[in-house]
PDB file of N, CA and C in Angstrom:
ATOM      1  N   UNK A   1       2.837  -3.279  10.467  1.00  0.00           N
ATOM      2  CA  UNK A   1       1.839  -2.931   9.496  1.00  0.00           C
ATOM      3  C   UNK A   1       2.404  -3.010   8.080  1.00  0.00           C
ATOM      4  N   UNK A   2       3.616  -2.464   7.860  1.00  0.00           N
ATOM      5  CA  UNK A   2       4.191  -2.489   6.517  1.00  0.00           C
ATOM      6  C   UNK A   2       4.368  -3.923   6.022  1.00  0.00           C
ATOM      7  N   UNK A   3       4.781  -4.812   6.901  1.00  0.00           N
ATOM      8  CA  UNK A   3       4.972  -6.204   6.507  1.00  0.00           C
ATOM      9  C   UNK A   3       3.650  -6.821   6.061  1.00  0.00           C
ATOM     10  N   UNK A   4       2.570  -6.497   6.768  1.00  0.00           N
ATOM     11  CA  UNK A   4       1.252  -7.014   6.385  1.00  0.00           C
ATOM     12  C   UNK A   4       0.840  -6.488   5.014  1.00  0.00           C
ATOM     13  N   UNK A   5       0.944  -5.188   4.820  1.00  0.00           N
ATOM     14  CA  UNK A   5       0.507  -4.590   3.563  1.00  0.00           C
ATOM     15  C   UNK A   5       1.374  -5.057   2.399  1.00  0.00           C
ATOM     16  N   UNK A   6       2.680  -5.047   2.558  1.00  0.00           N
ATOM     17  CA  UNK A   6       3.546  -5.487   1.457  1.00  0.00           C
ATOM     18  C   UNK A   6       3.329  -6.972   1.163  1.00  0.00           C
ATOM     19  N   UNK A   7       3.046  -7.764   2.188  1.00  0.00           N
ATOM     20  CA  UNK A   7       2.725  -9.173   1.974  1.00  0.00           C
ATOM     21  C   UNK A   7       1.456  -9.358   1.167  1.00  0.00           C
ATOM     22  N   UNK A   8       0.468  -8.495   1.416  1.00  0.00           N
ATOM     23  CA  UNK A   8      -0.767  -8.545   0.629  1.00  0.00           C
ATOM     24  C   UNK A   8      -0.489  -8.212  -0.832  1.00  0.00           C
ATOM     25  N   UNK A   9       0.360  -7.223  -1.071  1.00  0.00           N
ATOM     26  CA  UNK A   9       0.695  -6.854  -2.446  1.00  0.00           C
ATOM     27  C   UNK A   9       1.403  -8.002  -3.155  1.00  0.00           C
ATOM     28  N   UNK A  10       2.396  -8.595  -2.502  1.00  0.00           N
ATOM     29  CA  UNK A  10       3.165  -9.677  -3.114  1.00  0.00           C
ATOM     30  C   UNK A  10       2.275 -10.875  -3.425  1.00  0.00           C
ATOM     31  N   UNK A  11       1.349 -11.193  -2.540  1.00  0.00           N
ATOM     32  CA  UNK A  11       0.472 -12.350  -2.736  1.00  0.00           C
ATOM     33  C   UNK A  11      -0.754 -12.022  -3.584  1.00  0.00           C
ATOM     34  N   UNK A  12      -0.965 -10.741  -3.873  1.00  0.00           N
ATOM     35  CA  UNK A  12      -2.164 -10.271  -4.591  1.00  0.00           C
ATOM     36  C   UNK A  12      -3.441 -10.644  -3.853  1.00  0.00           C
ATOM     37  N   UNK A  13      -3.345 -10.779  -2.550  1.00  0.00           N
ATOM     38  CA  UNK A  13      -4.502 -11.104  -1.711  1.00  0.00           C
ATOM     39  C   UNK A  13      -4.765  -9.937  -0.776  1.00  0.00           C
ATOM     40  N   UNK A  14      -5.753  -9.128  -1.110  1.00  0.00           N
ATOM     41  CA  UNK A  14      -6.058  -7.936  -0.318  1.00  0.00           C
ATOM     42  C   UNK A  14      -7.255  -8.157   0.606  1.00  0.00           C
ATOM     43  N   UNK A  15      -7.553  -9.407   0.915  1.00  0.00           N
ATOM     44  CA  UNK A  15      -8.704  -9.701   1.775  1.00  0.00           C
ATOM     45  C   UNK A  15      -8.545  -9.110   3.171  1.00  0.00           C
ATOM     46  N   UNK A  16      -7.321  -8.849   3.606  1.00  0.00           N
ATOM     47  CA  UNK A  16      -7.087  -8.289   4.931  1.00  0.00           C
ATOM     48  C   UNK A  16      -7.123  -6.776   5.000  1.00  0.00           C
ATOM     49  N   UNK A  17      -7.314  -6.098   3.871  1.00  0.00           N
ATOM     50  CA  UNK A  17      -7.308  -4.630   3.861  1.00  0.00           C
ATOM     51  C   UNK A  17      -8.362  -4.029   4.791  1.00  0.00           C
ATOM     52  N   UNK A  18      -9.591  -4.546   4.843  1.00  0.00           N
ATOM     53  CA  UNK A  18     -10.575  -3.921   5.740  1.00  0.00           C
ATOM     54  C   UNK A  18     -10.173  -3.956   7.215  1.00  0.00           C
ATOM     55  N   UNK A  19      -9.350  -4.903   7.615  1.00  0.00           N
ATOM     56  CA  UNK A  19      -8.879  -4.948   8.994  1.00  0.00           C
ATOM     57  C   UNK A  19      -7.678  -4.031   9.217  1.00  0.00           C
ATOM     58  N   UNK A  20      -6.920  -3.757   8.176  1.00  0.00           N
ATOM     59  CA  UNK A  20      -5.718  -2.937   8.270  1.00  0.00           C
ATOM     60  C   UNK A  20      -6.032  -1.440   8.221  1.00  0.00           C
ATOM     61  N   UNK A  21      -7.054  -1.078   7.454  1.00  0.00           N
ATOM     62  CA  UNK A  21      -7.441   0.324   7.262  1.00  0.00           C
ATOM     63  C   UNK A  21      -8.701   0.648   8.055  1.00  0.00           C
ATOM     64  N   UNK A  22      -8.779   1.866   8.558  1.00  0.00           N
ATOM     65  CA  UNK A  22      -9.988   2.338   9.239  1.00  0.00           C
ATOM     66  C   UNK A  22     -11.126   2.458   8.225  1.00  0.00           C
ATOM     67  N   UNK A  23     -12.353   2.368   8.715  1.00  0.00           N
ATOM     68  CA  UNK A  23     -13.524   2.428   7.831  1.00  0.00           C
ATOM     69  C   UNK A  23     -13.570   3.719   7.022  1.00  0.00           C
ATOM     70  N   UNK A  24     -13.055   4.810   7.573  1.00  0.00           N
ATOM     71  CA  UNK A  24     -13.085   6.105   6.875  1.00  0.00           C
ATOM     72  C   UNK A  24     -11.701   6.533   6.376  1.00  0.00           C
ATOM     73  N   UNK A  25     -10.795   5.583   6.191  1.00  0.00           N
ATOM     74  CA  UNK A  25      -9.423   5.888   5.765  1.00  0.00           C
ATOM     75  C   UNK A  25      -9.399   6.603   4.418  1.00  0.00           C
ATOM     76  N   UNK A  26      -8.366   7.404   4.229  1.00  0.00           N
ATOM     77  CA  UNK A  26      -8.147   8.116   2.977  1.00  0.00           C
ATOM     78  C   UNK A  26      -6.850   7.619   2.352  1.00  0.00           C
ATOM     79  N   UNK A  27      -6.928   7.203   1.075  1.00  0.00           N
ATOM     80  CA  UNK A  27      -5.751   6.758   0.330  1.00  0.00           C
ATOM     81  C   UNK A  27      -5.592   7.665  -0.882  1.00  0.00           C
ATOM     82  N   UNK A  28      -4.438   8.310  -0.968  1.00  0.00           N
ATOM     83  CA  UNK A  28      -4.118   9.213  -2.071  1.00  0.00           C
ATOM     84  C   UNK A  28      -2.943   8.650  -2.847  1.00  0.00           C
ATOM     85  N   UNK A  29      -3.063   8.633  -4.159  1.00  0.00           N
ATOM     86  CA  UNK A  29      -1.967   8.202  -5.012  1.00  0.00           C
ATOM     87  C   UNK A  29      -1.985   9.053  -6.270  1.00  0.00           C
ATOM     88  N   UNK A  30      -0.860   9.092  -7.002  1.00  0.00           N
ATOM     89  CA  UNK A  30      -0.659  10.123  -8.016  1.00  0.00           C
ATOM     90  C   UNK A  30      -1.628  10.147  -9.191  1.00  0.00           C
ATOM     91  N   UNK A  31      -2.169   9.035  -9.602  1.00  0.00           N
ATOM     92  CA  UNK A  31      -2.841   8.996 -10.897  1.00  0.00           C
ATOM     93  C   UNK A  31      -4.356   8.839 -10.839  1.00  0.00           C
ATOM     94  N   UNK A  32      -4.931   8.889  -9.668  1.00  0.00           N
ATOM     95  CA  UNK A  32      -6.366   8.675  -9.530  1.00  0.00           C
ATOM     96  C   UNK A  32      -6.942   9.621  -8.495  1.00  0.00           C
ATOM     97  N   UNK A  33      -8.255   9.767  -8.495  1.00  0.00           N
ATOM     98  CA  UNK A  33      -8.877  10.565  -7.436  1.00  0.00           C
ATOM     99  C   UNK A  33      -8.709   9.869  -6.087  1.00  0.00           C
ATOM    100  N   UNK A  34      -8.951  10.565  -4.993  1.00  0.00           N
ATOM    101  CA  UNK A  34      -8.817   9.956  -3.661  1.00  0.00           C
ATOM    102  C   UNK A  34      -9.717   8.730  -3.498  1.00  0.00           C
ATOM    103  N   UNK A  35      -9.220   7.774  -2.744  1.00  0.00           N
ATOM    104  CA  UNK A  35      -9.992   6.582  -2.386  1.00  0.00           C
ATOM    105  C   UNK A  35     -10.355   6.743  -0.914  1.00  0.00           C
ATOM    106  N   UNK A  36     -11.639   6.697  -0.584  1.00  0.00           N
ATOM    107  CA  UNK A  36     -12.090   6.935   0.790  1.00  0.00           C
ATOM    108  C   UNK A  36     -12.814   5.694   1.295  1.00  0.00           C
ATOM    109  N   UNK A  37     -12.344   5.151   2.401  1.00  0.00           N
ATOM    110  CA  UNK A  37     -12.987   4.002   3.035  1.00  0.00           C
ATOM    111  C   UNK A  37     -12.235   2.713   2.769  1.00  0.00           C
ATOM    112  N   UNK A  38     -12.184   1.859   3.778  1.00  0.00           N
ATOM    113  CA  UNK A  38     -11.397   0.634   3.661  1.00  0.00           C
ATOM    114  C   UNK A  38     -11.886  -0.298   2.553  1.00  0.00           C
ATOM    115  N   UNK A  39     -13.183  -0.342   2.305  1.00  0.00           N
ATOM    116  CA  UNK A  39     -13.690  -1.234   1.262  1.00  0.00           C
ATOM    117  C   UNK A  39     -13.372  -0.710  -0.136  1.00  0.00           C
ATOM    118  N   UNK A  40     -13.424   0.602  -0.327  1.00  0.00           N
ATOM    119  CA  UNK A  40     -13.054   1.170  -1.628  1.00  0.00           C
ATOM    120  C   UNK A  40     -11.550   1.063  -1.856  1.00  0.00           C
ATOM    121  N   UNK A  41     -10.769   1.198  -0.799  1.00  0.00           N
ATOM    122  CA  UNK A  41      -9.320   1.007  -0.914  1.00  0.00           C
ATOM    123  C   UNK A  41      -9.024  -0.441  -1.297  1.00  0.00           C
ATOM    124  N   UNK A  42      -9.708  -1.368  -0.667  1.00  0.00           N
ATOM    125  CA  UNK A  42      -9.540  -2.780  -0.997  1.00  0.00           C
ATOM    126  C   UNK A  42      -9.882  -3.033  -2.468  1.00  0.00           C
ATOM    127  N   UNK A  43     -11.005  -2.491  -2.934  1.00  0.00           N
ATOM    128  CA  UNK A  43     -11.418  -2.687  -4.328  1.00  0.00           C
ATOM    129  C   UNK A  43     -10.397  -2.094  -5.294  1.00  0.00           C
ATOM    130  N   UNK A  44      -9.890  -0.911  -4.971  1.00  0.00           N
ATOM    131  CA  UNK A  44      -8.885  -0.288  -5.834  1.00  0.00           C
ATOM    132  C   UNK A  44      -7.622  -1.146  -5.904  1.00  0.00           C
ATOM    133  N   UNK A  45      -7.114  -1.578  -4.758  1.00  0.00           N
ATOM    134  CA  UNK A  45      -5.891  -2.381  -4.753  1.00  0.00           C
ATOM    135  C   UNK A  45      -6.084  -3.698  -5.496  1.00  0.00           C
ATOM    136  N   UNK A  46      -7.248  -4.315  -5.333  1.00  0.00           N
ATOM    137  CA  UNK A  46      -7.536  -5.557  -6.053  1.00  0.00           C
ATOM    138  C   UNK A  46      -7.495  -5.309  -7.558  1.00  0.00           C
ATOM    139  N   UNK A  47      -8.104  -4.221  -7.998  1.00  0.00           N
ATOM    140  CA  UNK A  47      -8.100  -3.876  -9.415  1.00  0.00           C
ATOM    141  C   UNK A  47      -6.680  -3.566  -9.897  1.00  0.00           C
ATOM    142  N   UNK A  48      -5.933  -2.790  -9.112  1.00  0.00           N
ATOM    143  CA  UNK A  48      -4.572  -2.405  -9.487  1.00  0.00           C
ATOM    144  C   UNK A  48      -3.662  -3.626  -9.617  1.00  0.00           C
ATOM    145  N   UNK A  49      -3.849  -4.615  -8.769  1.00  0.00           N
ATOM    146  CA  UNK A  49      -3.020  -5.816  -8.801  1.00  0.00           C
ATOM    147  C   UNK A  49      -3.393  -6.759  -9.941  1.00  0.00           C
ATOM    148  N   UNK A  50      -4.599  -6.614 -10.494  1.00  0.00           N
ATOM    149  CA  UNK A  50      -5.050  -7.478 -11.575  1.00  0.00           C
ATOM    150  C   UNK A  50      -4.097  -7.428 -12.759  1.00  0.00           C
ATOM    151  N   UNK A  51      -3.720  -8.574 -13.274  1.00  0.00           N
ATOM    152  CA  UNK A  51      -2.828  -8.636 -14.424  1.00  0.00           C
ATOM    153  C   UNK A  51      -1.352  -8.567 -14.083  1.00  0.00           C
ATOM    154  N   UNK A  52      -1.034  -8.366 -12.820  1.00  0.00           N
ATOM    155  CA  UNK A  52       0.368  -8.323 -12.398  1.00  0.00           C
ATOM    156  C   UNK A  52       0.737  -9.683 -11.797  1.00  0.00           C
ATOM    157  N   UNK A  53       1.882 -10.188 -12.196  1.00  0.00           N
ATOM    158  CA  UNK A  53       2.359 -11.479 -11.707  1.00  0.00           C
ATOM    159  C   UNK A  53       3.784 -11.334 -11.200  1.00  0.00           C
ATOM    160  N   UNK A  54       4.218 -12.320 -10.440  1.00  0.00           N
ATOM    161  CA  UNK A  54       5.597 -12.367  -9.931  1.00  0.00           C
ATOM    162  C   UNK A  54       5.980 -11.063  -9.245  1.00  0.00           C
ATOM    163  N   UNK A  55       5.122 -10.623  -8.349  1.00  0.00           N
ATOM    164  CA  UNK A  55       5.372  -9.375  -7.625  1.00  0.00           C
ATOM    165  C   UNK A  55       6.459  -9.550  -6.579  1.00  0.00           C
ATOM    166  N   UNK A  56       7.264  -8.517  -6.449  1.00  0.00           N
ATOM    167  CA  UNK A  56       8.285  -8.456  -5.402  1.00  0.00           C
ATOM    168  C   UNK A  56       8.303  -7.040  -4.854  1.00  0.00           C
ATOM    169  N   UNK A  57       8.318  -6.927  -3.548  1.00  0.00           N
ATOM    170  CA  UNK A  57       8.370  -5.632  -2.865  1.00  0.00           C
ATOM    171  C   UNK A  57       9.576  -5.652  -1.945  1.00  0.00           C
ATOM    172  N   UNK A  58      10.351  -4.579  -1.987  1.00  0.00           N
ATOM    173  CA  UNK A  58      11.516  -4.485  -1.105  1.00  0.00           C
ATOM    174  C   UNK A  58      11.533  -3.121  -0.439  1.00  0.00           C
ATOM    175  N   UNK A  59      11.508  -3.126   0.885  1.00  0.00           N
ATOM    176  CA  UNK A  59      11.618  -1.878   1.645  1.00  0.00           C
ATOM    177  C   UNK A  59      13.073  -1.438   1.645  1.00  0.00           C
ATOM    178  N   UNK A  60      13.301  -0.192   1.320  1.00  0.00           N
ATOM    179  CA  UNK A  60      14.649   0.376   1.338  1.00  0.00           C
ATOM    180  C   UNK A  60      14.903   1.111   2.645  1.00  0.00           C
ATOM    181  N   UNK A  61      13.879   1.807   3.123  1.00  0.00           N
ATOM    182  CA  UNK A  61      13.993   2.558   4.377  1.00  0.00           C
ATOM    183  C   UNK A  61      12.606   2.641   5.003  1.00  0.00           C
ATOM    184  N   UNK A  62      12.529   2.356   6.285  1.00  0.00           N
ATOM    185  CA  UNK A  62      11.286   2.456   7.049  1.00  0.00           C
ATOM    186  C   UNK A  62      11.550   3.402   8.211  1.00  0.00           C
ATOM    187  N   UNK A  63      10.750   4.457   8.303  1.00  0.00           N
ATOM    188  CA  UNK A  63      10.924   5.454   9.359  1.00  0.00           C
ATOM    189  C   UNK A  63       9.628   5.544  10.153  1.00  0.00           C
ATOM    190  N   UNK A  64       9.704   5.191  11.431  1.00  0.00           N
ATOM    191  CA  UNK A  64       8.539   5.221  12.307  1.00  0.00           C
ATOM    192  C   UNK A  64       8.623   6.420  13.240  1.00  0.00           C
ATOM    193  N   UNK A  65       7.501   7.090  13.430  1.00  0.00           N
ATOM    194  CA  UNK A  65       7.436   8.183  14.399  1.00  0.00           C
ATOM    195  C   UNK A  65       7.585   7.613  15.801  1.00  0.00           C
ATOM    196  N   UNK A  66       8.200   8.366  16.685  1.00  0.00           N
ATOM    197  CA  UNK A  66       8.420   7.914  18.059  1.00  0.00           C
ATOM    198  C   UNK A  66       7.113   7.575  18.762  1.00  0.00           C
ATOM    199  N   UNK A  67       6.049   8.298  18.436  1.00  0.00           N
ATOM    200  CA  UNK A  67       4.757   8.051  19.085  1.00  0.00           C
ATOM    201  C   UNK A  67       3.935   6.973  18.385  1.00  0.00           C
ATOM    202  N   UNK A  68       4.448   6.415  17.289  1.00  0.00           N
ATOM    203  CA  UNK A  68       3.746   5.352  16.575  1.00  0.00           C
ATOM    204  C   UNK A  68       2.570   5.813  15.741  1.00  0.00           C
ATOM    205  N   UNK A  69       2.368   7.119  15.622  1.00  0.00           N
ATOM    206  CA  UNK A  69       1.194   7.644  14.916  1.00  0.00           C
ATOM    207  C   UNK A  69       1.395   7.772  13.414  1.00  0.00           C
ATOM    208  N   UNK A  70       2.634   7.615  12.943  1.00  0.00           N
ATOM    209  CA  UNK A  70       2.880   7.727  11.505  1.00  0.00           C
ATOM    210  C   UNK A  70       4.086   6.888  11.108  1.00  0.00           C
ATOM    211  N   UNK A  71       4.160   6.615   9.805  1.00  0.00           N
ATOM    212  CA  UNK A  71       5.198   5.749   9.261  1.00  0.00           C
ATOM    213  C   UNK A  71       5.501   6.198   7.840  1.00  0.00           C
ATOM    214  N   UNK A  72       6.767   6.212   7.477  1.00  0.00           N
ATOM    215  CA  UNK A  72       7.186   6.481   6.105  1.00  0.00           C
ATOM    216  C   UNK A  72       8.005   5.313   5.594  1.00  0.00           C
ATOM    217  N   UNK A  73       7.762   4.911   4.349  1.00  0.00           N
ATOM    218  CA  UNK A  73       8.480   3.777   3.769  1.00  0.00           C
ATOM    219  C   UNK A  73       8.942   4.140   2.357  1.00  0.00           C
ATOM    220  N   UNK A  74      10.235   3.992   2.128  1.00  0.00           N
ATOM    221  CA  UNK A  74      10.789   4.077   0.775  1.00  0.00           C
ATOM    222  C   UNK A  74      10.944   2.637   0.308  1.00  0.00           C
ATOM    223  N   UNK A  75      10.382   2.312  -0.853  1.00  0.00           N
ATOM    224  CA  UNK A  75      10.351   0.927  -1.282  1.00  0.00           C
ATOM    225  C   UNK A  75      10.378   0.814  -2.796  1.00  0.00           C
ATOM    226  N   UNK A  76      10.588  -0.413  -3.278  1.00  0.00           N
ATOM    227  CA  UNK A  76      10.517  -0.688  -4.710  1.00  0.00           C
ATOM    228  C   UNK A  76       9.554  -1.841  -4.942  1.00  0.00           C
ATOM    229  N   UNK A  77       8.982  -1.848  -6.143  1.00  0.00           N
ATOM    230  CA  UNK A  77       8.119  -2.947  -6.555  1.00  0.00           C
ATOM    231  C   UNK A  77       8.570  -3.423  -7.929  1.00  0.00           C
ATOM    232  N   UNK A  78       8.531  -4.724  -8.117  1.00  0.00           N
ATOM    233  CA  UNK A  78       8.835  -5.348  -9.407  1.00  0.00           C
ATOM    234  C   UNK A  78       7.694  -6.301  -9.723  1.00  0.00           C
ATOM    235  N   UNK A  79       7.356  -6.413 -11.007  1.00  0.00           N
ATOM    236  CA  UNK A  79       6.287  -7.327 -11.407  1.00  0.00           C
ATOM    237  C   UNK A  79       6.336  -7.551 -12.912  1.00  0.00           C
ATOM    238  N   UNK A  80       5.628  -8.587 -13.341  1.00  0.00           N
ATOM    239  CA  UNK A  80       5.450  -8.873 -14.754  1.00  0.00           C
ATOM    240  C   UNK A  80       4.006  -8.556 -15.112  1.00  0.00           C
ATOM    241  N   UNK A  81       3.823  -7.824 -16.219  1.00  0.00           N
ATOM    242  CA  UNK A  81       2.483  -7.490 -16.711  1.00  0.00           C
ATOM    243  C   UNK A  81       2.530  -7.425 -18.230  1.00  0.00           C
ATOM    244  N   UNK A  82       1.563  -8.050 -18.862  1.00  0.00           N
ATOM    245  CA  UNK A  82       1.451  -8.041 -20.325  1.00  0.00           C
ATOM    246  C   UNK A  82       2.746  -8.495 -20.994  1.00  0.00           C
ATOM    247  N   UNK A  83       3.391  -9.498 -20.392  1.00  0.00           N
ATOM    248  CA  UNK A  83       4.590 -10.069 -20.975  1.00  0.00           C
ATOM    249  C   UNK A  83       5.863  -9.270 -20.776  1.00  0.00           C
ATOM    250  N   UNK A  84       5.788  -8.215 -19.999  1.00  0.00           N
ATOM    251  CA  UNK A  84       6.967  -7.366 -19.772  1.00  0.00           C
ATOM    252  C   UNK A  84       7.295  -7.337 -18.284  1.00  0.00           C
ATOM    253  N   UNK A  85       8.572  -7.359 -17.973  1.00  0.00           N
ATOM    254  CA  UNK A  85       9.025  -7.289 -16.577  1.00  0.00           C
ATOM    255  C   UNK A  85       9.372  -5.848 -16.224  1.00  0.00           C
ATOM    256  N   UNK A  86       8.795  -5.380 -15.127  1.00  0.00           N
ATOM    257  CA  UNK A  86       9.079  -4.060 -14.571  1.00  0.00           C
ATOM    258  C   UNK A  86       9.871  -4.293 -13.292  1.00  0.00           C
ATOM    259  N   UNK A  87      11.068  -3.726 -13.203  1.00  0.00           N
ATOM    260  CA  UNK A  87      11.952  -4.012 -12.077  1.00  0.00           C
ATOM    261  C   UNK A  87      12.263  -2.778 -11.247  1.00  0.00           C
ATOM    262  N   UNK A  88      12.184  -2.961  -9.940  1.00  0.00           N
ATOM    263  CA  UNK A  88      12.643  -1.966  -8.962  1.00  0.00           C
ATOM    264  C   UNK A  88      12.088  -0.565  -9.200  1.00  0.00           C
ATOM    265  N   UNK A  89      10.782  -0.484  -9.420  1.00  0.00           N
ATOM    266  CA  UNK A  89      10.133   0.814  -9.583  1.00  0.00           C
ATOM    267  C   UNK A  89      10.085   1.496  -8.221  1.00  0.00           C
ATOM    268  N   UNK A  90      10.632   2.697  -8.100  1.00  0.00           N
ATOM    269  CA  UNK A  90      10.699   3.352  -6.791  1.00  0.00           C
ATOM    270  C   UNK A  90       9.351   3.891  -6.341  1.00  0.00           C
ATOM    271  N   UNK A  91       9.094   3.760  -5.057  1.00  0.00           N
ATOM    272  CA  UNK A  91       7.866   4.246  -4.439  1.00  0.00           C
ATOM    273  C   UNK A  91       8.206   4.822  -3.069  1.00  0.00           C
ATOM    274  N   UNK A  92       7.310   5.654  -2.579  1.00  0.00           N
ATOM    275  CA  UNK A  92       7.379   6.133  -1.197  1.00  0.00           C
ATOM    276  C   UNK A  92       5.951   6.198  -0.682  1.00  0.00           C
ATOM    277  N   UNK A  93       5.738   5.709   0.509  1.00  0.00           N
ATOM    278  CA  UNK A  93       4.409   5.707   1.124  1.00  0.00           C
ATOM    279  C   UNK A  93       4.490   6.311   2.510  1.00  0.00           C
ATOM    280  N   UNK A  94       3.472   7.077   2.831  1.00  0.00           N
ATOM    281  CA  UNK A  94       3.361   7.703   4.147  1.00  0.00           C
ATOM    282  C   UNK A  94       2.019   7.325   4.742  1.00  0.00           C
ATOM    283  N   UNK A  95       2.044   6.920   6.010  1.00  0.00           N
ATOM    284  CA  UNK A  95       0.853   6.416   6.683  1.00  0.00           C
ATOM    285  C   UNK A  95       0.607   7.170   7.976  1.00  0.00           C
ATOM    286  N   UNK A  96      -0.657   7.386   8.285  1.00  0.00           N
ATOM    287  CA  UNK A  96      -1.081   7.866   9.590  1.00  0.00           C
ATOM    288  C   UNK A  96      -1.984   6.812  10.200  1.00  0.00           C
ATOM    289  N   UNK A  97      -1.990   6.726  11.524  1.00  0.00           N
ATOM    290  CA  UNK A  97      -2.759   5.695  12.213  1.00  0.00           C
ATOM    291  C   UNK A  97      -3.718   6.317  13.212  1.00  0.00           C
ATOM    292  N   UNK A  98      -4.876   5.683  13.362  1.00  0.00           N
ATOM    293  CA  UNK A  98      -5.824   6.147  14.369  1.00  0.00           C
ATOM    294  C   UNK A  98      -5.458   5.562  15.739  1.00  0.00           C
ATOM    295  N   UNK A  99      -6.268   5.843  16.731  1.00  0.00           N
ATOM    296  CA  UNK A  99      -5.982   5.409  18.106  1.00  0.00           C
ATOM    297  C   UNK A  99      -5.973   3.889  18.257  1.00  0.00           C
ATOM    298  N   UNK A 100      -6.628   3.169  17.331  1.00  0.00           N
ATOM    299  CA  UNK A 100      -6.659   1.709  17.401  1.00  0.00           C
ATOM    300  C   UNK A 100      -5.533   1.061  16.604  1.00  0.00           C
ATOM    301  N   UNK A 101      -4.699   1.885  15.943  1.00  0.00           N
ATOM    302  CA  UNK A 101      -3.588   1.361  15.169  1.00  0.00           C
ATOM    303  C   UNK A 101      -3.907   1.070  13.717  1.00  0.00           C
ATOM    304  N   UNK A 102      -5.134   1.366  13.289  1.00  0.00           N
ATOM    305  CA  UNK A 102      -5.497   1.154  11.890  1.00  0.00           C
ATOM    306  C   UNK A 102      -5.060   2.352  11.050  1.00  0.00           C
ATOM    307  N   UNK A 103      -4.771   2.106   9.795  1.00  0.00           N
ATOM    308  CA  UNK A 103      -4.373   3.177   8.878  1.00  0.00           C
ATOM    309  C   UNK A 103      -5.576   4.080   8.626  1.00  0.00           C
ATOM    310  N   UNK A 104      -5.401   5.381   8.860  1.00  0.00           N
ATOM    311  CA  UNK A 104      -6.471   6.324   8.524  1.00  0.00           C
ATOM    312  C   UNK A 104      -6.050   7.292   7.419  1.00  0.00           C
ATOM    313  N   UNK A 105      -4.766   7.274   7.060  1.00  0.00           N
ATOM    314  CA  UNK A 105      -4.240   8.116   5.990  1.00  0.00           C
ATOM    315  C   UNK A 105      -3.102   7.371   5.307  1.00  0.00           C
ATOM    316  N   UNK A 106      -3.135   7.345   3.976  1.00  0.00           N
ATOM    317  CA  UNK A 106      -2.095   6.662   3.199  1.00  0.00           C
ATOM    318  C   UNK A 106      -1.871   7.481   1.937  1.00  0.00           C
ATOM    319  N   UNK A 107      -0.650   7.934   1.743  1.00  0.00           N
ATOM    320  CA  UNK A 107      -0.291   8.659   0.516  1.00  0.00           C
ATOM    321  C   UNK A 107       0.899   7.968  -0.121  1.00  0.00           C
ATOM    322  N   UNK A 108       0.756   7.671  -1.425  1.00  0.00           N
ATOM    323  CA  UNK A 108       1.829   7.058  -2.204  1.00  0.00           C
ATOM    324  C   UNK A 108       2.409   8.064  -3.183  1.00  0.00           C
ATOM    325  N   UNK A 109       3.702   7.950  -3.402  1.00  0.00           N
ATOM    326  CA  UNK A 109       4.400   8.724  -4.429  1.00  0.00           C
ATOM    327  C   UNK A 109       5.170   7.760  -5.315  1.00  0.00           C
ATOM    328  N   UNK A 110       5.230   8.081  -6.602  1.00  0.00           N
ATOM    329  CA  UNK A 110       5.992   7.262  -7.550  1.00  0.00           C
ATOM    330  C   UNK A 110       7.138   8.068  -8.109  1.00  0.00           C
TER     331      UNK A 110
END
């Protein structure tokens, strides 16, 4: 799952988000109100990626629960925006999955 999501970020193509997230998924991140639902999450990510070029994502640590119901990822993102390069910005993401393996909970920290 992490490879799919990080690949979408790097390519700025979030067309696969509705298949990755459950219809009623909750996405929480530090600077905005909660995003509820796979289509609203897709719209938010598309907007957030707008204006960013040369994206690079690197996972530093991936921790999977033994039962497969949750995942934690420590990662960095680099990109160019408005003529400035932002390098190795630290992030941490935590995911919960429903019975079908789709993301039903996603929390990001910066």
